[in-house]
C-alpha atoms as a PDB file:
ATOM      1  CA  MET A   1      10.110   0.846   9.578  1.00  0.00           C
ATOM      2  CA  MET A   2      11.722  -0.642   6.484  1.00  0.00           C
ATOM      3  CA  GLN A   3      15.073   0.567   5.305  1.00  0.00           C
ATOM      4  CA  GLU A   4      15.147   2.496   1.998  1.00  0.00           C
ATOM      5  CA  ASP A   5      17.313  -0.128   0.220  1.00  0.00           C
ATOM      6  CA  THR A   6      14.842  -2.829   1.230  1.00  0.00           C
ATOM      7  CA  ILE A   7      11.883  -0.877  -0.114  1.00  0.00           C
ATOM      8  CA  ARG A   8      13.647  -0.046  -3.389  1.00  0.00           C
ATOM      9  CA  LEU A   9      14.648  -3.671  -3.954  1.00  0.00           C
ATOM     10  CA  LEU A  10      11.165  -4.946  -3.141  1.00  0.00           C
ATOM     11  CA  ARG A  11       9.587  -2.472  -5.538  1.00  0.00           C
ATOM     12  CA  GLU A  12      12.010  -3.455  -8.292  1.00  0.00           C
ATOM     13  CA  CYS A  13      11.175  -7.122  -7.722  1.00  0.00           C
ATOM     14  CA  ASP A  14       7.478  -6.218  -7.880  1.00  0.00           C
ATOM     15  CA  THR A  15       8.025  -4.541 -11.243  1.00  0.00           C
ATOM     16  CA  GLY A  16      10.156  -7.431 -12.495  1.00  0.00           C
ATOM     17  CA  THR A  17       7.654 -10.094 -11.558  1.00  0.00           C
ATOM     18  CA  GLN A  18       4.832  -8.163 -13.215  1.00  0.00           C
ATOM     19  CA  MET A  19       6.797  -7.513 -16.426  1.00  0.00           C
ATOM     20  CA  GLY A  20       7.819 -11.173 -16.567  1.00  0.00           C
ATOM     21  CA  TYR A  21       4.309 -12.451 -15.989  1.00  0.00           C
ATOM     22  CA  ASP A  22       2.834 -10.063 -18.555  1.00  0.00           C
ATOM     23  CA  ALA A  23       5.409 -11.047 -21.204  1.00  0.00           C
ATOM     24  CA  LEU A  24       4.804 -14.758 -20.680  1.00  0.00           C
ATOM     25  CA  HIS A  25       1.038 -14.310 -20.687  1.00  0.00           C
ATOM     26  CA  GLU A  26       1.242 -12.242 -23.879  1.00  0.00           C
ATOM     27  CA  VAL A  27       2.964 -15.005 -25.872  1.00  0.00           C
ATOM     28  CA  CYS A  28       1.609 -18.186 -24.321  1.00  0.00           C
ATOM     29  CA  ASP A  29      -1.371 -18.587 -26.662  1.00  0.00           C
ATOM     30  CA  ASN A  30       0.942 -18.324 -29.680  1.00  0.00           C
ATOM     31  CA  VAL A  31       3.036 -21.348 -28.676  1.00  0.00           C
ATOM     32  CA  LYS A  32       2.358 -24.545 -30.552  1.00  0.00           C
ATOM     33  CA  ASN A  33       4.652 -27.008 -28.747  1.00  0.00           C
ATOM     34  CA  PRO A  34       2.811 -28.333 -25.645  1.00  0.00           C
ATOM     35  CA  ALA A  35       5.982 -28.798 -23.575  1.00  0.00           C
ATOM     36  CA  PHE A  36       7.133 -25.269 -24.385  1.00  0.00           C
ATOM     37  CA  LYS A  37       3.718 -23.869 -23.488  1.00  0.00           C
ATOM     38  CA  GLN A  38       3.765 -25.781 -20.188  1.00  0.00           C
ATOM     39  CA  ARG A  39       7.200 -24.339 -19.339  1.00  0.00           C
ATOM     40  CA  LEU A  40       5.932 -20.806 -20.004  1.00  0.00           C
ATOM     41  CA  GLU A  41       2.890 -21.463 -17.813  1.00  0.00           C
ATOM     42  CA  THR A  42       5.185 -22.689 -15.042  1.00  0.00           C
ATOM     43  CA  GLY A  43       7.181 -19.490 -15.441  1.00  0.00           C
ATOM     44  CA  MET A  44       4.000 -17.453 -15.038  1.00  0.00           C
ATOM     45  CA  GLN A  45       3.169 -19.335 -11.829  1.00  0.00           C
ATOM     46  CA  GLU A  46       6.674 -18.713 -10.467  1.00  0.00           C
ATOM     47  CA  HIS A  47       6.370 -14.994 -11.199  1.00  0.00           C
ATOM     48  CA  GLN A  48       2.945 -14.823  -9.541  1.00  0.00           C
ATOM     49  CA  ALA A  49       4.215 -16.616  -6.431  1.00  0.00           C
ATOM     50  CA  LEU A  50       7.223 -14.326  -6.123  1.00  0.00           C
ATOM     51  CA  GLN A  51       5.066 -11.258  -6.653  1.00  0.00           C
ATOM     52  CA  ALA A  52       2.657 -12.408  -3.943  1.00  0.00           C
ATOM     53  CA  GLU A  53       5.598 -12.819  -1.577  1.00  0.00           C
ATOM     54  CA  VAL A  54       6.930  -9.352  -2.457  1.00  0.00           C
ATOM     55  CA  ARG A  55       3.559  -7.710  -1.973  1.00  0.00           C
ATOM     56  CA  THR A  56       2.997  -9.481   1.334  1.00  0.00           C
ATOM     57  CA  VAL A  57       6.233  -8.006   2.700  1.00  0.00           C
ATOM     58  CA  LEU A  58       5.432  -4.573   1.277  1.00  0.00           C
ATOM     59  CA  ASN A  59       1.871  -4.578   2.641  1.00  0.00           C
ATOM     60  CA  ALA A  60       3.007  -5.798   6.065  1.00  0.00           C
ATOM     61  CA  ASN A  61       5.215  -2.728   6.242  1.00  0.00           C
ATOM     62  CA  GLY A  62       2.672  -0.225   4.959  1.00  0.00           C
ATOM     63  CA  GLN A  63       4.342   0.080   1.566  1.00  0.00           C
ATOM     64  CA  THR A  64       3.014  -0.251  -1.975  1.00  0.00           C
ATOM     65  CA  GLY A  65       4.436  -1.981  -5.007  1.00  0.00           C
ATOM     66  CA  LYS A  66       5.728  -0.394  -8.166  1.00  0.00           C
ATOM     67  CA  ASP A  67       3.943  -0.937 -11.446  1.00  0.00           C
ATOM     68  CA  PRO A  68       6.079  -1.185 -14.567  1.00  0.00           C
ATOM     69  CA  SER A  69       6.392   2.110 -16.395  1.00  0.00           C
ATOM     70  CA  PRO A  70       3.758   2.566 -19.098  1.00  0.00           C
ATOM     71  CA  ILE A  71       6.540   3.231 -21.619  1.00  0.00           C
ATOM     72  CA  ALA A  72       8.332  -0.030 -20.781  1.00  0.00           C
ATOM     73  CA  LYS A  73       5.055  -1.966 -20.936  1.00  0.00           C
ATOM     74  CA  GLY A  74       4.104  -0.341 -24.219  1.00  0.00           C
ATOM     75  CA  MET A  75       7.462  -0.970 -25.838  1.00  0.00           C
ATOM     76  CA  SER A  76       7.415  -4.594 -24.718  1.00  0.00           C
ATOM     77  CA  TRP A  77       3.893  -5.096 -26.026  1.00  0.00           C
ATOM     78  CA  LEU A  78       4.733  -3.427 -29.344  1.00  0.00           C
ATOM     79  CA  LYS A  79       7.907  -5.447 -29.906  1.00  0.00           C
ATOM     80  CA  THR A  80       6.227  -8.710 -28.951  1.00  0.00           C
ATOM     81  CA  ASN A  81       3.184  -8.237 -31.132  1.00  0.00           C
ATOM     82  CA  ALA A  82       5.172  -6.938 -34.105  1.00  0.00           C
ATOM     83  CA  GLU A  83       7.510  -9.933 -33.969  1.00  0.00           C
ATOM     84  CA  LEU A  84       4.626 -12.376 -33.594  1.00  0.00           C
ATOM     85  CA  LEU A  85       2.762 -10.787 -36.489  1.00  0.00           C
ATOM     86  CA  VAL A  86       5.756 -11.105 -38.798  1.00  0.00           C
ATOM     87  CA  LYS A  87       7.020 -14.514 -37.637  1.00  0.00           C
ATOM     88  CA  GLY A  88       4.664 -16.103 -35.157  1.00  0.00           C
ATOM     89  CA  SER A  89       6.633 -19.288 -34.542  1.00  0.00           C
ATOM     90  CA  ASP A  90       7.821 -20.975 -31.372  1.00  0.00           C
ATOM     91  CA  ASP A  91      11.412 -19.927 -32.064  1.00  0.00           C
ATOM     92  CA  THR A  92      10.280 -16.288 -32.228  1.00  0.00           C
ATOM     93  CA  VAL A  93       8.560 -16.657 -28.855  1.00  0.00           C
ATOM     94  CA  ALA A  94      11.657 -18.335 -27.390  1.00  0.00           C
ATOM     95  CA  ASP A  95      13.816 -15.488 -28.698  1.00  0.00           C
ATOM     96  CA  LEU A  96      11.532 -12.807 -27.241  1.00  0.00           C
ATOM     97  CA  ILE A  97      11.306 -14.505 -23.850  1.00  0.00           C
ATOM     98  CA  THR A  98      15.052 -15.135 -23.717  1.00  0.00           C
ATOM     99  CA  ASP A  99      15.666 -11.430 -24.342  1.00  0.00           C
ATOM    100  CA  GLY A 100      13.148 -10.549 -21.639  1.00  0.00           C
ATOM    101  CA  CYS A 101      14.734 -12.948 -19.156  1.00  0.00           C
ATOM    102  CA  ASN A 102      18.177 -11.502 -19.836  1.00  0.00           C
ATOM    103  CA  MET A 103      16.846  -7.982 -19.326  1.00  0.00           C
ATOM    104  CA  GLY A 104      15.145  -9.029 -16.097  1.00  0.00           C
ATOM    105  CA  VAL A 105      18.306 -10.662 -14.764  1.00  0.00           C
ATOM    106  CA  LYS A 106      20.344  -7.550 -15.551  1.00  0.00           C
ATOM    107  CA  THR A 107      17.823  -5.154 -14.014  1.00  0.00           C
ATOM    108  CA  VAL A 108      17.219  -7.078 -10.793  1.00  0.00           C
ATOM    109  CA  SER A 109      20.939  -7.839 -10.406  1.00  0.00           C
ATOM    110  CA  ARG A 110      21.760  -4.154 -10.805  1.00  0.00           C
ATOM    111  CA  HIS A 111      19.272  -3.223  -8.096  1.00  0.00           C
ATOM    112  CA  LEU A 112      20.451  -6.044  -5.856  1.00  0.00           C
ATOM    113  CA  ASN A 113      24.014  -4.713  -6.126  1.00  0.00           C
ATOM    114  CA  ARG A 114      22.914  -1.121  -5.508  1.00  0.00           C
ATOM    115  CA  CYS A 115      20.740  -2.010  -2.525  1.00  0.00           C
ATOM    116  CA  ALA A 116      23.510  -3.600  -0.475  1.00  0.00           C
ATOM    117  CA  ASP A 117      21.837  -2.673   2.815  1.00  0.00           C
ATOM    118  CA  ALA A 118      18.542  -4.363   1.954  1.00  0.00           C
ATOM    119  CA  ASP A 119      17.123  -6.947   4.315  1.00  0.00           C
ATOM    120  CA  THR A 120      18.513 -10.466   3.827  1.00  0.00           C
ATOM    121  CA  LYS A 121      15.026 -11.924   3.255  1.00  0.00           C
ATOM    122  CA  VAL A 122      14.403  -9.412   0.467  1.00  0.00           C
ATOM    123  CA  LYS A 123      17.798 -10.098  -1.104  1.00  0.00           C
ATOM    124  CA  ASP A 124      16.793 -13.781  -1.122  1.00  0.00           C
ATOM    125  CA  ILE A 125      13.582 -12.949  -2.989  1.00  0.00           C
ATOM    126  CA  ALA A 126      15.589 -10.977  -5.560  1.00  0.00           C
ATOM    127  CA  GLN A 127      18.018 -13.891  -5.961  1.00  0.00           C
ATOM    128  CA  ARG A 128      15.147 -16.316  -6.481  1.00  0.00           C
ATOM    129  CA  LEU A 129      13.667 -14.034  -9.143  1.00  0.00           C
ATOM    130  CA  ILE A 130      17.029 -13.892 -10.908  1.00  0.00           C
ATOM    131  CA  GLN A 131      17.375 -17.672 -10.704  1.00  0.00           C
ATOM    132  CA  SER A 132      13.853 -18.173 -12.051  1.00  0.00           C
ATOM    133  CA  GLU A 133      14.604 -15.969 -15.058  1.00  0.00           C
ATOM    134  CA  GLU A 134      17.949 -17.678 -15.665  1.00  0.00           C
ATOM    135  CA  ARG A 135      16.355 -21.157 -15.510  1.00  0.00           C
ATOM    136  CA  LEU A 136      13.613 -20.151 -17.891  1.00  0.00           C
ATOM    137  CA  ALA A 137      16.099 -18.783 -20.422  1.00  0.00           C
ATOM    138  CA  VAL A 138      18.127 -21.998 -20.266  1.00  0.00           C
ATOM    139  CA  ASP A 139      15.060 -24.264 -20.415  1.00  0.00           C
ATOM    140  CA  ILE A 140      13.699 -22.655 -23.571  1.00  0.00           C
ATOM    141  CA  ARG A 141      16.944 -22.637 -25.559  1.00  0.00           C
ATOM    142  CA  GLN A 142      15.822 -25.837 -27.235  1.00  0.00           C
ATOM    143  CA  TYR A 143      12.992 -23.879 -28.898  1.00  0.00           C
ATOM    144  CA  LEU A 144      15.221 -21.178 -30.412  1.00  0.00           C
END
């Protein structure tokens, strides 16, 4: 049986990977620069791979994932689409994604710190998610 900290951290990573993927998918078609678009697509693939890994561990232990809250999803969608409607440029997309990455890093880091007794393998997944978000934010600075 999985320890409670392990389950909580896995579920938070599941939410984080889904929110990240959804945000990237939402803006990708609005990006004009091919290199920028490719980097966002790579970010989506990274989030999907991490989510698959999270769900495999959860499923193997008879647990389920955690969908993002409808309020968080709705607010993200509203902010993204409002910003894109007003100023639909690559720098707007870079700004939105950078904010999302920073929020993801903070949220997953907070849960990683609070779930000190989580399994080492799960802590590694959380660290890789944090690193993926940090890399993406750094890589897209040139488009701000």
